[in-house]
Amino acid sequence: MRGYETSTYTFEPGRLSVTSGRPSRRDVTMSLDPVAFLQIGYKRTGLARPILTGRAVAWGRRPWVALQFPGYFQDP
């Protein structure tokens, strides 16, 4: 999240690992406004508005991976 320490989130089937700092190799880098992060995470807003307004940005070797935001497209 913008304005906070850099963290690395590693997603594996059925597992999430969070470490502080930058990884040596990454598929995607995401920069999110903290409010947008929470709204997307709690499914209060879709991805389109934060992306179009610049509150959510993704880049890297595989930026499309950001569209698979954890749990966003899965049923509750």
PDB file of N, CA and C in Angstrom:
ATOM      1  N   MET A   1       0.832  -1.167   0.000  1.00  0.00           N
ATOM      2  CA  MET A   1       0.000   0.000   0.000  1.00  0.00           C
ATOM      3  C   MET A   1       0.880   1.234   0.000  1.00  0.00           C
ATOM      4  N   ARG A   2       0.436   2.230  -0.715  1.00  0.00           N
ATOM      5  CA  ARG A   2       1.205   3.468  -0.816  1.00  0.00           C
ATOM      6  C   ARG A   2       1.382   4.109   0.553  1.00  0.00           C
ATOM      7  N   GLY A   3       2.601   4.566   0.804  1.00  0.00           N
ATOM      8  CA  GLY A   3       2.880   5.247   2.051  1.00  0.00           C
ATOM      9  C   GLY A   3       3.281   4.331   3.194  1.00  0.00           C
ATOM     10  N   TYR A   4       3.347   3.047   2.947  1.00  0.00           N
ATOM     11  CA  TYR A   4       3.711   2.085   3.983  1.00  0.00           C
ATOM     12  C   TYR A   4       4.939   1.304   3.544  1.00  0.00           C
ATOM     13  N   GLU A   5       5.505   0.539   4.457  1.00  0.00           N
ATOM     14  CA  GLU A   5       6.675  -0.285   4.178  1.00  0.00           C
ATOM     15  C   GLU A   5       6.368  -1.295   3.073  1.00  0.00           C
ATOM     16  N   THR A   6       7.353  -1.595   2.243  1.00  0.00           N
ATOM     17  CA  THR A   6       7.187  -2.568   1.173  1.00  0.00           C
ATOM     18  C   THR A   6       7.094  -3.979   1.749  1.00  0.00           C
ATOM     19  N   SER A   7       6.097  -4.715   1.293  1.00  0.00           N
ATOM     20  CA  SER A   7       5.902  -6.095   1.732  1.00  0.00           C
ATOM     21  C   SER A   7       5.779  -7.001   0.526  1.00  0.00           C
ATOM     22  N   THR A   8       6.172  -8.247   0.693  1.00  0.00           N
ATOM     23  CA  THR A   8       6.061  -9.242  -0.361  1.00  0.00           C
ATOM     24  C   THR A   8       4.997 -10.255   0.031  1.00  0.00           C
ATOM     25  N   TYR A   9       4.013 -10.427  -0.835  1.00  0.00           N
ATOM     26  CA  TYR A   9       2.946 -11.408  -0.628  1.00  0.00           C
ATOM     27  C   TYR A   9       3.181 -12.551  -1.607  1.00  0.00           C
ATOM     28  N   THR A  10       3.340 -13.748  -1.112  1.00  0.00           N
ATOM     29  CA  THR A  10       3.554 -14.919  -1.952  1.00  0.00           C
ATOM     30  C   THR A  10       2.317 -15.798  -1.861  1.00  0.00           C
ATOM     31  N   PHE A  11       1.641 -15.963  -3.008  1.00  0.00           N
ATOM     32  CA  PHE A  11       0.424 -16.766  -3.063  1.00  0.00           C
ATOM     33  C   PHE A  11       0.737 -18.119  -3.661  1.00  0.00           C
ATOM     34  N   GLU A  12       0.411 -19.155  -2.920  1.00  0.00           N
ATOM     35  CA  GLU A  12       0.552 -20.525  -3.389  1.00  0.00           C
ATOM     36  C   GLU A  12      -0.780 -21.206  -3.135  1.00  0.00           C
ATOM     37  N   PRO A  13      -1.085 -22.294  -3.819  1.00  0.00           N
ATOM     38  CA  PRO A  13      -2.375 -22.945  -3.622  1.00  0.00           C
ATOM     39  C   PRO A  13      -2.658 -23.216  -2.132  1.00  0.00           C
ATOM     40  N   GLY A  14      -3.689 -22.551  -1.603  1.00  0.00           N
ATOM     41  CA  GLY A  14      -4.084 -22.746  -0.224  1.00  0.00           C
ATOM     42  C   GLY A  14      -3.198 -22.095   0.816  1.00  0.00           C
ATOM     43  N   ARG A  15      -2.277 -21.200   0.390  1.00  0.00           N
ATOM     44  CA  ARG A  15      -1.334 -20.621   1.339  1.00  0.00           C
ATOM     45  C   ARG A  15      -0.921 -19.210   0.933  1.00  0.00           C
ATOM     46  N   LEU A  16      -0.784 -18.337   1.916  1.00  0.00           N
ATOM     47  CA  LEU A  16      -0.306 -16.975   1.709  1.00  0.00           C
ATOM     48  C   LEU A  16       0.834 -16.723   2.678  1.00  0.00           C
ATOM     49  N   SER A  17       1.953 -16.233   2.168  1.00  0.00           N
ATOM     50  CA  SER A  17       3.100 -15.873   3.003  1.00  0.00           C
ATOM     51  C   SER A  17       3.363 -14.386   2.827  1.00  0.00           C
ATOM     52  N   VAL A  18       3.587 -13.685   3.923  1.00  0.00           N
ATOM     53  CA  VAL A  18       3.880 -12.252   3.887  1.00  0.00           C
ATOM     54  C   VAL A  18       5.224 -12.019   4.547  1.00  0.00           C
ATOM     55  N   THR A  19       6.138 -11.353   3.823  1.00  0.00           N
ATOM     56  CA  THR A  19       7.446 -11.001   4.362  1.00  0.00           C
ATOM     57  C   THR A  19       7.702  -9.529   4.084  1.00  0.00           C
ATOM     58  N   SER A  20       8.531  -8.920   4.891  1.00  0.00           N
ATOM     59  CA  SER A  20       8.830  -7.522   4.666  1.00  0.00           C
ATOM     60  C   SER A  20       9.978  -7.408   3.661  1.00  0.00           C
ATOM     61  N   GLY A  21       9.990  -6.328   2.900  1.00  0.00           N
ATOM     62  CA  GLY A  21      11.031  -6.100   1.905  1.00  0.00           C
ATOM     63  C   GLY A  21      10.604  -6.521   0.511  1.00  0.00           C
ATOM     64  N   ARG A  22      11.527  -6.361  -0.406  1.00  0.00           N
ATOM     65  CA  ARG A  22      11.265  -6.674  -1.819  1.00  0.00           C
ATOM     66  C   ARG A  22      11.782  -8.069  -2.169  1.00  0.00           C
ATOM     67  N   PRO A  23      11.081  -8.772  -3.066  1.00  0.00           N
ATOM     68  CA  PRO A  23      11.559 -10.090  -3.491  1.00  0.00           C
ATOM     69  C   PRO A  23      12.643  -9.944  -4.555  1.00  0.00           C
ATOM     70  N   SER A  24      13.405 -11.000  -4.757  1.00  0.00           N
ATOM     71  CA  SER A  24      14.439 -10.964  -5.797  1.00  0.00           C
ATOM     72  C   SER A  24      13.819 -11.062  -7.191  1.00  0.00           C
ATOM     73  N   ARG A  25      12.732 -11.786  -7.316  1.00  0.00           N
ATOM     74  CA  ARG A  25      12.050 -11.936  -8.600  1.00  0.00           C
ATOM     75  C   ARG A  25      10.551 -11.863  -8.341  1.00  0.00           C
ATOM     76  N   ARG A  26       9.871 -11.020  -9.091  1.00  0.00           N
ATOM     77  CA  ARG A  26       8.440 -10.862  -8.864  1.00  0.00           C
ATOM     78  C   ARG A  26       7.682 -10.903 -10.174  1.00  0.00           C
ATOM     79  N   ASP A  27       6.460 -11.412 -10.105  1.00  0.00           N
ATOM     80  CA  ASP A  27       5.609 -11.478 -11.288  1.00  0.00           C
ATOM     81  C   ASP A  27       4.895 -10.158 -11.527  1.00  0.00           C
ATOM     82  N   VAL A  28       4.417  -9.551 -10.461  1.00  0.00           N
ATOM     83  CA  VAL A  28       3.656  -8.310 -10.591  1.00  0.00           C
ATOM     84  C   VAL A  28       3.936  -7.414  -9.390  1.00  0.00           C
ATOM     85  N   THR A  29       3.971  -6.120  -9.641  1.00  0.00           N
ATOM     86  CA  THR A  29       4.074  -5.122  -8.588  1.00  0.00           C
ATOM     87  C   THR A  29       2.779  -4.330  -8.603  1.00  0.00           C
ATOM     88  N   MET A  30       2.166  -4.192  -7.435  1.00  0.00           N
ATOM     89  CA  MET A  30       0.917  -3.451  -7.336  1.00  0.00           C
ATOM     90  C   MET A  30       1.113  -2.267  -6.397  1.00  0.00           C
ATOM     91  N   SER A  31       0.580  -1.120  -6.787  1.00  0.00           N
ATOM     92  CA  SER A  31       0.571   0.050  -5.935  1.00  0.00           C
ATOM     93  C   SER A  31      -0.879   0.445  -5.739  1.00  0.00           C
ATOM     94  N   LEU A  32      -1.339   0.401  -4.492  1.00  0.00           N
ATOM     95  CA  LEU A  32      -2.739   0.693  -4.205  1.00  0.00           C
ATOM     96  C   LEU A  32      -2.863   1.755  -3.128  1.00  0.00           C
ATOM     97  N   ASP A  33      -3.814   2.638  -3.327  1.00  0.00           N
ATOM     98  CA  ASP A  33      -4.205   3.579  -2.301  1.00  0.00           C
ATOM     99  C   ASP A  33      -4.803   2.756  -1.156  1.00  0.00           C
ATOM    100  N   PRO A  34      -4.484   3.060   0.122  1.00  0.00           N
ATOM    101  CA  PRO A  34      -5.001   2.244   1.234  1.00  0.00           C
ATOM    102  C   PRO A  34      -6.526   2.110   1.254  1.00  0.00           C
ATOM    103  N   VAL A  35      -7.233   3.185   0.955  1.00  0.00           N
ATOM    104  CA  VAL A  35      -8.702   3.124   0.954  1.00  0.00           C
ATOM    105  C   VAL A  35      -9.185   2.216  -0.171  1.00  0.00           C
ATOM    106  N   ALA A  36      -8.588   2.347  -1.349  1.00  0.00           N
ATOM    107  CA  ALA A  36      -8.967   1.490  -2.478  1.00  0.00           C
ATOM    108  C   ALA A  36      -8.680   0.030  -2.155  1.00  0.00           C
ATOM    109  N   PHE A  37      -7.541  -0.239  -1.500  1.00  0.00           N
ATOM    110  CA  PHE A  37      -7.181  -1.600  -1.120  1.00  0.00           C
ATOM    111  C   PHE A  37      -8.267  -2.223  -0.240  1.00  0.00           C
ATOM    112  N   LEU A  38      -8.718  -1.478   0.766  1.00  0.00           N
ATOM    113  CA  LEU A  38      -9.743  -2.005   1.660  1.00  0.00           C
ATOM    114  C   LEU A  38     -11.084  -2.161   0.951  1.00  0.00           C
ATOM    115  N   GLN A  39     -11.452  -1.188   0.122  1.00  0.00           N
ATOM    116  CA  GLN A  39     -12.731  -1.279  -0.581  1.00  0.00           C
ATOM    117  C   GLN A  39     -12.759  -2.464  -1.538  1.00  0.00           C
ATOM    118  N   ILE A  40     -11.663  -2.710  -2.220  1.00  0.00           N
ATOM    119  CA  ILE A  40     -11.591  -3.855  -3.133  1.00  0.00           C
ATOM    120  C   ILE A  40     -11.577  -5.153  -2.332  1.00  0.00           C
ATOM    121  N   GLY A  41     -10.774  -5.187  -1.280  1.00  0.00           N
ATOM    122  CA  GLY A  41     -10.657  -6.389  -0.457  1.00  0.00           C
ATOM    123  C   GLY A  41     -11.963  -6.800   0.200  1.00  0.00           C
ATOM    124  N   TYR A  42     -12.766  -5.818   0.613  1.00  0.00           N
ATOM    125  CA  TYR A  42     -14.060  -6.108   1.235  1.00  0.00           C
ATOM    126  C   TYR A  42     -15.209  -6.089   0.230  1.00  0.00           C
ATOM    127  N   LYS A  43     -14.858  -6.062  -1.045  1.00  0.00           N
ATOM    128  CA  LYS A  43     -15.825  -6.120  -2.147  1.00  0.00           C
ATOM    129  C   LYS A  43     -16.861  -5.005  -2.080  1.00  0.00           C
ATOM    130  N   ARG A  44     -16.425  -3.802  -1.674  1.00  0.00           N
ATOM    131  CA  ARG A  44     -17.306  -2.642  -1.649  1.00  0.00           C
ATOM    132  C   ARG A  44     -17.275  -1.898  -2.974  1.00  0.00           C
ATOM    133  N   THR A  45     -16.257  -2.161  -3.775  1.00  0.00           N
ATOM    134  CA  THR A  45     -16.136  -1.558  -5.098  1.00  0.00           C
ATOM    135  C   THR A  45     -15.473  -2.559  -6.028  1.00  0.00           C
ATOM    136  N   GLY A  46     -15.686  -2.383  -7.300  1.00  0.00           N
ATOM    137  CA  GLY A  46     -15.031  -3.237  -8.289  1.00  0.00           C
ATOM    138  C   GLY A  46     -13.616  -2.748  -8.560  1.00  0.00           C
ATOM    139  N   LEU A  47     -12.934  -3.397  -9.457  1.00  0.00           N
ATOM    140  CA  LEU A  47     -11.570  -3.003  -9.805  1.00  0.00           C
ATOM    141  C   LEU A  47     -11.525  -1.846 -10.792  1.00  0.00           C
ATOM    142  N   ALA A  48     -12.563  -1.672 -11.591  1.00  0.00           N
ATOM    143  CA  ALA A  48     -12.530  -0.701 -12.681  1.00  0.00           C
ATOM    144  C   ALA A  48     -12.293   0.731 -12.204  1.00  0.00           C
ATOM    145  N   ARG A  49     -13.067   1.201 -11.257  1.00  0.00           N
ATOM    146  CA  ARG A  49     -12.946   2.608 -10.823  1.00  0.00           C
ATOM    147  C   ARG A  49     -11.557   2.910 -10.247  1.00  0.00           C
ATOM    148  N   PRO A  50     -11.018   2.123  -9.298  1.00  0.00           N
ATOM    149  CA  PRO A  50      -9.664   2.427  -8.788  1.00  0.00           C
ATOM    150  C   PRO A  50      -8.593   2.375  -9.885  1.00  0.00           C
ATOM    151  N   ILE A  51      -8.735   1.471 -10.836  1.00  0.00           N
ATOM    152  CA  ILE A  51      -7.750   1.396 -11.922  1.00  0.00           C
ATOM    153  C   ILE A  51      -7.849   2.632 -12.808  1.00  0.00           C
ATOM    154  N   LEU A  52      -9.067   3.018 -13.190  1.00  0.00           N
ATOM    155  CA  LEU A  52      -9.251   4.163 -14.085  1.00  0.00           C
ATOM    156  C   LEU A  52      -8.892   5.492 -13.431  1.00  0.00           C
ATOM    157  N   THR A  53      -8.995   5.589 -12.111  1.00  0.00           N
ATOM    158  CA  THR A  53      -8.658   6.837 -11.420  1.00  0.00           C
ATOM    159  C   THR A  53      -7.218   6.857 -10.915  1.00  0.00           C
ATOM    160  N   GLY A  54      -6.459   5.793 -11.161  1.00  0.00           N
ATOM    161  CA  GLY A  54      -5.060   5.744 -10.758  1.00  0.00           C
ATOM    162  C   GLY A  54      -4.836   5.373  -9.299  1.00  0.00           C
ATOM    163  N   ARG A  55      -5.867   4.931  -8.608  1.00  0.00           N
ATOM    164  CA  ARG A  55      -5.731   4.534  -7.205  1.00  0.00           C
ATOM    165  C   ARG A  55      -5.218   3.105  -7.080  1.00  0.00           C
ATOM    166  N   ALA A  56      -5.226   2.353  -8.182  1.00  0.00           N
ATOM    167  CA  ALA A  56      -4.687   0.992  -8.224  1.00  0.00           C
ATOM    168  C   ALA A  56      -3.931   0.828  -9.539  1.00  0.00           C
ATOM    169  N   VAL A  57      -2.652   0.500  -9.438  1.00  0.00           N
ATOM    170  CA  VAL A  57      -1.799   0.364 -10.612  1.00  0.00           C
ATOM    171  C   VAL A  57      -0.996  -0.926 -10.478  1.00  0.00           C
ATOM    172  N   ALA A  58      -0.825  -1.642 -11.593  1.00  0.00           N
ATOM    173  CA  ALA A  58      -0.027  -2.877 -11.587  1.00  0.00           C
ATOM    174  C   ALA A  58       0.930  -2.866 -12.773  1.00  0.00           C
ATOM    175  N   TRP A  59       2.148  -3.372 -12.563  1.00  0.00           N
ATOM    176  CA  TRP A  59       3.121  -3.497 -13.639  1.00  0.00           C
ATOM    177  C   TRP A  59       4.067  -4.639 -13.306  1.00  0.00           C
ATOM    178  N   GLY A  60       4.842  -5.056 -14.297  1.00  0.00           N
ATOM    179  CA  GLY A  60       5.807  -6.133 -14.086  1.00  0.00           C
ATOM    180  C   GLY A  60       5.791  -7.129 -15.218  1.00  0.00           C
ATOM    181  N   ARG A  61       6.378  -8.305 -14.973  1.00  0.00           N
ATOM    182  CA  ARG A  61       6.457  -9.341 -16.004  1.00  0.00           C
ATOM    183  C   ARG A  61       5.089  -9.881 -16.371  1.00  0.00           C
ATOM    184  N   ARG A  62       4.196  -9.993 -15.396  1.00  0.00           N
ATOM    185  CA  ARG A  62       2.856 -10.548 -15.619  1.00  0.00           C
ATOM    186  C   ARG A  62       1.799  -9.688 -14.916  1.00  0.00           C
ATOM    187  N   PRO A  63       1.543  -8.477 -15.415  1.00  0.00           N
ATOM    188  CA  PRO A  63       0.626  -7.573 -14.707  1.00  0.00           C
ATOM    189  C   PRO A  63      -0.811  -8.078 -14.635  1.00  0.00           C
ATOM    190  N   TRP A  64      -1.214  -8.954 -15.527  1.00  0.00           N
ATOM    191  CA  TRP A  64      -2.578  -9.480 -15.509  1.00  0.00           C
ATOM    192  C   TRP A  64      -2.857 -10.308 -14.258  1.00  0.00           C
ATOM    193  N   VAL A  65      -1.817 -10.758 -13.576  1.00  0.00           N
ATOM    194  CA  VAL A  65      -1.984 -11.520 -12.346  1.00  0.00           C
ATOM    195  C   VAL A  65      -2.685 -10.657 -11.284  1.00  0.00           C
ATOM    196  N   ALA A  66      -2.509  -9.347 -11.347  1.00  0.00           N
ATOM    197  CA  ALA A  66      -3.146  -8.447 -10.380  1.00  0.00           C
ATOM    198  C   ALA A  66      -4.662  -8.508 -10.471  1.00  0.00           C
ATOM    199  N   LEU A  67      -5.204  -8.887 -11.606  1.00  0.00           N
ATOM    200  CA  LEU A  67      -6.653  -9.009 -11.754  1.00  0.00           C
ATOM    201  C   LEU A  67      -7.203 -10.185 -10.966  1.00  0.00           C
ATOM    202  N   GLN A  68      -6.331 -11.048 -10.495  1.00  0.00           N
ATOM    203  CA  GLN A  68      -6.737 -12.185  -9.671  1.00  0.00           C
ATOM    204  C   GLN A  68      -6.540 -11.830  -8.202  1.00  0.00           C
ATOM    205  N   PHE A  69      -6.846 -10.584  -7.857  1.00  0.00           N
ATOM    206  CA  PHE A  69      -6.717 -10.102  -6.484  1.00  0.00           C
ATOM    207  C   PHE A  69      -7.277 -11.162  -5.541  1.00  0.00           C
ATOM    208  N   PRO A  70      -6.552 -11.549  -4.480  1.00  0.00           N
ATOM    209  CA  PRO A  70      -6.950 -12.665  -3.627  1.00  0.00           C
ATOM    210  C   PRO A  70      -8.406 -12.617  -3.180  1.00  0.00           C
ATOM    211  N   GLY A  71      -9.121 -13.645  -3.564  1.00  0.00           N
ATOM    212  CA  GLY A  71     -10.489 -13.785  -3.142  1.00  0.00           C
ATOM    213  C   GLY A  71     -11.486 -12.934  -3.896  1.00  0.00           C
ATOM    214  N   TYR A  72     -11.030 -12.032  -4.764  1.00  0.00           N
ATOM    215  CA  TYR A  72     -11.962 -11.109  -5.396  1.00  0.00           C
ATOM    216  C   TYR A  72     -12.955 -11.796  -6.308  1.00  0.00           C
ATOM    217  N   PHE A  73     -12.491 -12.747  -7.082  1.00  0.00           N
ATOM    218  CA  PHE A  73     -13.380 -13.418  -8.021  1.00  0.00           C
ATOM    219  C   PHE A  73     -13.903 -14.742  -7.495  1.00  0.00           C
ATOM    220  N   GLN A  74     -13.665 -15.043  -6.231  1.00  0.00           N
ATOM    221  CA  GLN A  74     -14.130 -16.300  -5.653  1.00  0.00           C
ATOM    222  C   GLN A  74     -15.406 -16.041  -4.868  1.00  0.00           C
ATOM    223  N   ASP A  75     -16.270 -17.030  -4.814  1.00  0.00           N
ATOM    224  CA  ASP A  75     -17.502 -16.898  -4.047  1.00  0.00           C
ATOM    225  C   ASP A  75     -17.171 -16.903  -2.548  1.00  0.00           C
ATOM    226  N   PRO A  76     -17.947 -16.137  -1.759  1.00  0.00           N
ATOM    227  CA  PRO A  76     -17.675 -16.103  -0.306  1.00  0.00           C
ATOM    228  C   PRO A  76     -17.982 -17.415   0.372  1.00  0.00           C
TER     229      PRO A  76
END
